[in-house]
C-alpha atoms as a PDB file:
ATOM      1  CA  MET A   1     -34.615  12.171 -88.423  1.00  0.00           C
ATOM      2  CA  ALA A   2     -35.453  12.121 -92.120  1.00  0.00           C
ATOM      3  CA  THR A   3     -35.396   8.834 -93.959  1.00  0.00           C
ATOM      4  CA  THR A   4     -34.437   8.880 -97.612  1.00  0.00           C
ATOM      5  CA  LEU A   5     -34.275   6.235-100.273  1.00  0.00           C
ATOM      6  CA  PRO A   6     -30.955   5.199-101.786  1.00  0.00           C
ATOM      7  CA  PRO A   7     -30.458   6.199-105.443  1.00  0.00           C
ATOM      8  CA  ALA A   8     -32.275   4.112-108.025  1.00  0.00           C
ATOM      9  CA  GLY A   9     -30.271   1.122-109.167  1.00  0.00           C
ATOM     10  CA  THR A  10     -28.670   0.532-105.768  1.00  0.00           C
ATOM     11  CA  GLU A  11     -29.630  -2.087-103.244  1.00  0.00           C
ATOM     12  CA  SER A  12     -32.353  -1.082-100.843  1.00  0.00           C
ATOM     13  CA  LEU A  13     -31.574  -0.840 -97.142  1.00  0.00           C
ATOM     14  CA  ILE A  14     -35.269  -1.275 -96.396  1.00  0.00           C
ATOM     15  CA  GLU A  15     -36.747  -4.663 -95.608  1.00  0.00           C
ATOM     16  CA  TYR A  16     -40.139  -5.203 -97.209  1.00  0.00           C
ATOM     17  CA  PRO A  17     -42.832  -5.102 -96.052  1.00  0.00           C
ATOM     18  CA  SER A  18     -42.258  -2.435 -93.398  1.00  0.00           C
ATOM     19  CA  ASP A  19     -43.753   0.759 -92.042  1.00  0.00           C
ATOM     20  CA  PHE A  20     -42.006   3.703 -93.693  1.00  0.00           C
ATOM     21  CA  PRO A  21     -42.438   7.344 -92.593  1.00  0.00           C
ATOM     22  CA  ILE A  22     -42.512  10.069 -95.242  1.00  0.00           C
ATOM     23  CA  LYS A  23     -42.561  13.781 -94.430  1.00  0.00           C
ATOM     24  CA  VAL A  24     -44.487  16.081 -96.745  1.00  0.00           C
ATOM     25  CA  MET A  25     -44.575  19.862 -96.452  1.00  0.00           C
ATOM     26  CA  GLY A  26     -46.691  22.417 -98.263  1.00  0.00           C
ATOM     27  CA  PRO A  27     -48.437  25.762 -97.793  1.00  0.00           C
ATOM     28  CA  THR A  28     -51.204  25.660 -95.193  1.00  0.00           C
ATOM     29  CA  HIS A  29     -54.504  25.070 -97.006  1.00  0.00           C
ATOM     30  CA  ILE A  30     -57.751  23.429 -95.942  1.00  0.00           C
ATOM     31  CA  ASP A  31     -57.390  20.825 -98.719  1.00  0.00           C
ATOM     32  CA  PHE A  32     -53.711  19.967 -98.147  1.00  0.00           C
ATOM     33  CA  ALA A  33     -54.099  17.015 -95.738  1.00  0.00           C
ATOM     34  CA  PRO A  34     -57.116  15.475 -97.556  1.00  0.00           C
ATOM     35  CA  THR A  35     -55.313  15.795-100.901  1.00  0.00           C
ATOM     36  CA  ILE A  36     -52.177  14.083 -99.583  1.00  0.00           C
ATOM     37  CA  LEU A  37     -54.308  11.418 -97.895  1.00  0.00           C
ATOM     38  CA  ALA A  38     -56.025  10.564-101.197  1.00  0.00           C
ATOM     39  CA  LEU A  39     -52.709  10.439-103.024  1.00  0.00           C
ATOM     40  CA  VAL A  40     -51.079   8.162-100.423  1.00  0.00           C
ATOM     41  CA  VAL A  41     -54.059   5.770-100.378  1.00  0.00           C
ATOM     42  CA  LYS A  42     -53.552   5.209-104.123  1.00  0.00           C
ATOM     43  CA  HIS A  43     -50.130   3.716-103.326  1.00  0.00           C
ATOM     44  CA  ASP A  44     -50.970   2.128 -99.958  1.00  0.00           C
ATOM     45  CA  PRO A  45     -54.626   1.037 -99.749  1.00  0.00           C
ATOM     46  CA  THR A  46     -54.160   0.212 -96.036  1.00  0.00           C
ATOM     47  CA  PHE A  47     -53.313   3.845 -95.210  1.00  0.00           C
ATOM     48  CA  HIS A  48     -55.875   5.911 -93.288  1.00  0.00           C
ATOM     49  CA  ALA A  49     -56.046   9.381 -91.709  1.00  0.00           C
ATOM     50  CA  GLY A  50     -55.175   7.959 -88.283  1.00  0.00           C
ATOM     51  CA  LYS A  51     -51.678   7.178 -89.608  1.00  0.00           C
ATOM     52  CA  MET A  52     -51.051  10.826 -90.556  1.00  0.00           C
ATOM     53  CA  GLU A  53     -49.481  13.357 -88.193  1.00  0.00           C
ATOM     54  CA  GLU A  54     -50.042  17.041 -88.943  1.00  0.00           C
ATOM     55  CA  ARG A  55     -47.916  19.932 -87.651  1.00  0.00           C
ATOM     56  CA  PRO A  56     -48.177  23.611 -88.560  1.00  0.00           C
ATOM     57  CA  SER A  57     -45.024  25.694 -88.993  1.00  0.00           C
ATOM     58  CA  ALA A  58     -44.178  28.295 -86.326  1.00  0.00           C
ATOM     59  CA  LYS A  59     -45.898  31.086 -88.259  1.00  0.00           C
ATOM     60  CA  GLY A  60     -48.655  28.835 -89.604  1.00  0.00           C
ATOM     61  CA  ASN A  61     -47.766  29.438 -93.249  1.00  0.00           C
ATOM     62  CA  TYR A  62     -46.823  25.809 -93.893  1.00  0.00           C
ATOM     63  CA  THR A  63     -48.124  22.445 -92.790  1.00  0.00           C
ATOM     64  CA  GLY A  64     -45.943  19.396 -92.285  1.00  0.00           C
ATOM     65  CA  LEU A  65     -47.414  15.939 -92.588  1.00  0.00           C
ATOM     66  CA  THR A  66     -45.819  12.663 -91.593  1.00  0.00           C
ATOM     67  CA  VAL A  67     -47.426   9.730 -93.360  1.00  0.00           C
ATOM     68  CA  THR A  68     -46.350   6.247 -92.327  1.00  0.00           C
ATOM     69  CA  VAL A  69     -47.042   3.943 -95.240  1.00  0.00           C
ATOM     70  CA  ARG A  70     -46.832   0.178 -95.424  1.00  0.00           C
ATOM     71  CA  ALA A  71     -43.969  -0.179 -97.901  1.00  0.00           C
ATOM     72  CA  THR A  72     -44.192  -3.386 -99.886  1.00  0.00           C
ATOM     73  CA  SER A  73     -41.557  -2.692-102.568  1.00  0.00           C
ATOM     74  CA  ARG A  74     -39.044  -0.188-103.887  1.00  0.00           C
ATOM     75  CA  PRO A  75     -41.179   0.536-106.990  1.00  0.00           C
ATOM     76  CA  GLN A  76     -44.137   1.368-104.719  1.00  0.00           C
ATOM     77  CA  LEU A  77     -42.069   3.891-102.731  1.00  0.00           C
ATOM     78  CA  ASP A  78     -40.508   5.361-105.879  1.00  0.00           C
ATOM     79  CA  ALA A  79     -43.948   5.902-107.422  1.00  0.00           C
ATOM     80  CA  LEU A  80     -45.271   7.498-104.231  1.00  0.00           C
ATOM     81  CA  TYR A  81     -42.260   9.848-103.908  1.00  0.00           C
ATOM     82  CA  THR A  82     -42.554  10.792-107.594  1.00  0.00           C
ATOM     83  CA  GLU A  83     -46.251  11.600-107.362  1.00  0.00           C
ATOM     84  CA  LEU A  84     -45.895  13.514-104.084  1.00  0.00           C
ATOM     85  CA  SER A  85     -42.937  15.538-105.412  1.00  0.00           C
ATOM     86  CA  ALA A  86     -44.825  16.449-108.593  1.00  0.00           C
ATOM     87  CA  HIS A  87     -47.994  17.618-106.836  1.00  0.00           C
ATOM     88  CA  PRO A  88     -48.442  21.419-106.996  1.00  0.00           C
ATOM     89  CA  MET A  89     -49.419  21.665-103.306  1.00  0.00           C
ATOM     90  CA  VAL A  90     -46.211  19.958-102.144  1.00  0.00           C
ATOM     91  CA  LYS A  91     -42.992  21.907-101.526  1.00  0.00           C
ATOM     92  CA  ILE A  92     -40.805  19.231 -99.867  1.00  0.00           C
ATOM     93  CA  VAL A  93     -40.862  15.423 -99.582  1.00  0.00           C
ATOM     94  CA  MET A  94     -38.401  13.668 -97.291  1.00  0.00           C
END
C-alpha cells in the first residue's frame, strides 16, 4: 500500500512525529542504495541503513527501496520528496 502526501496547502492527515515509509525506485546500480541513504539522512539524521528495505525487480533491471523516515513536519517530507524526485537515479517516489 503506497502512502502519499495530500496536496500542498491542505491539512495533513499525518500526525507528527511519526514513522513514514517512502518507496523509491530506480535502475539497478551499485551506488543506488548508498546514494539514496545519503540523501535521506540529510532530511532525517536518525535514519540508518538498517531502516532501508531493498528489493530487486523480477528481471533485476530496477531496484525498489523502502525507507522509513522519522517525519517531524510537512515541510521536512515535502523537501525530501522534492529532492528524491529530482535525483537523476530515481524513476519513481511514492
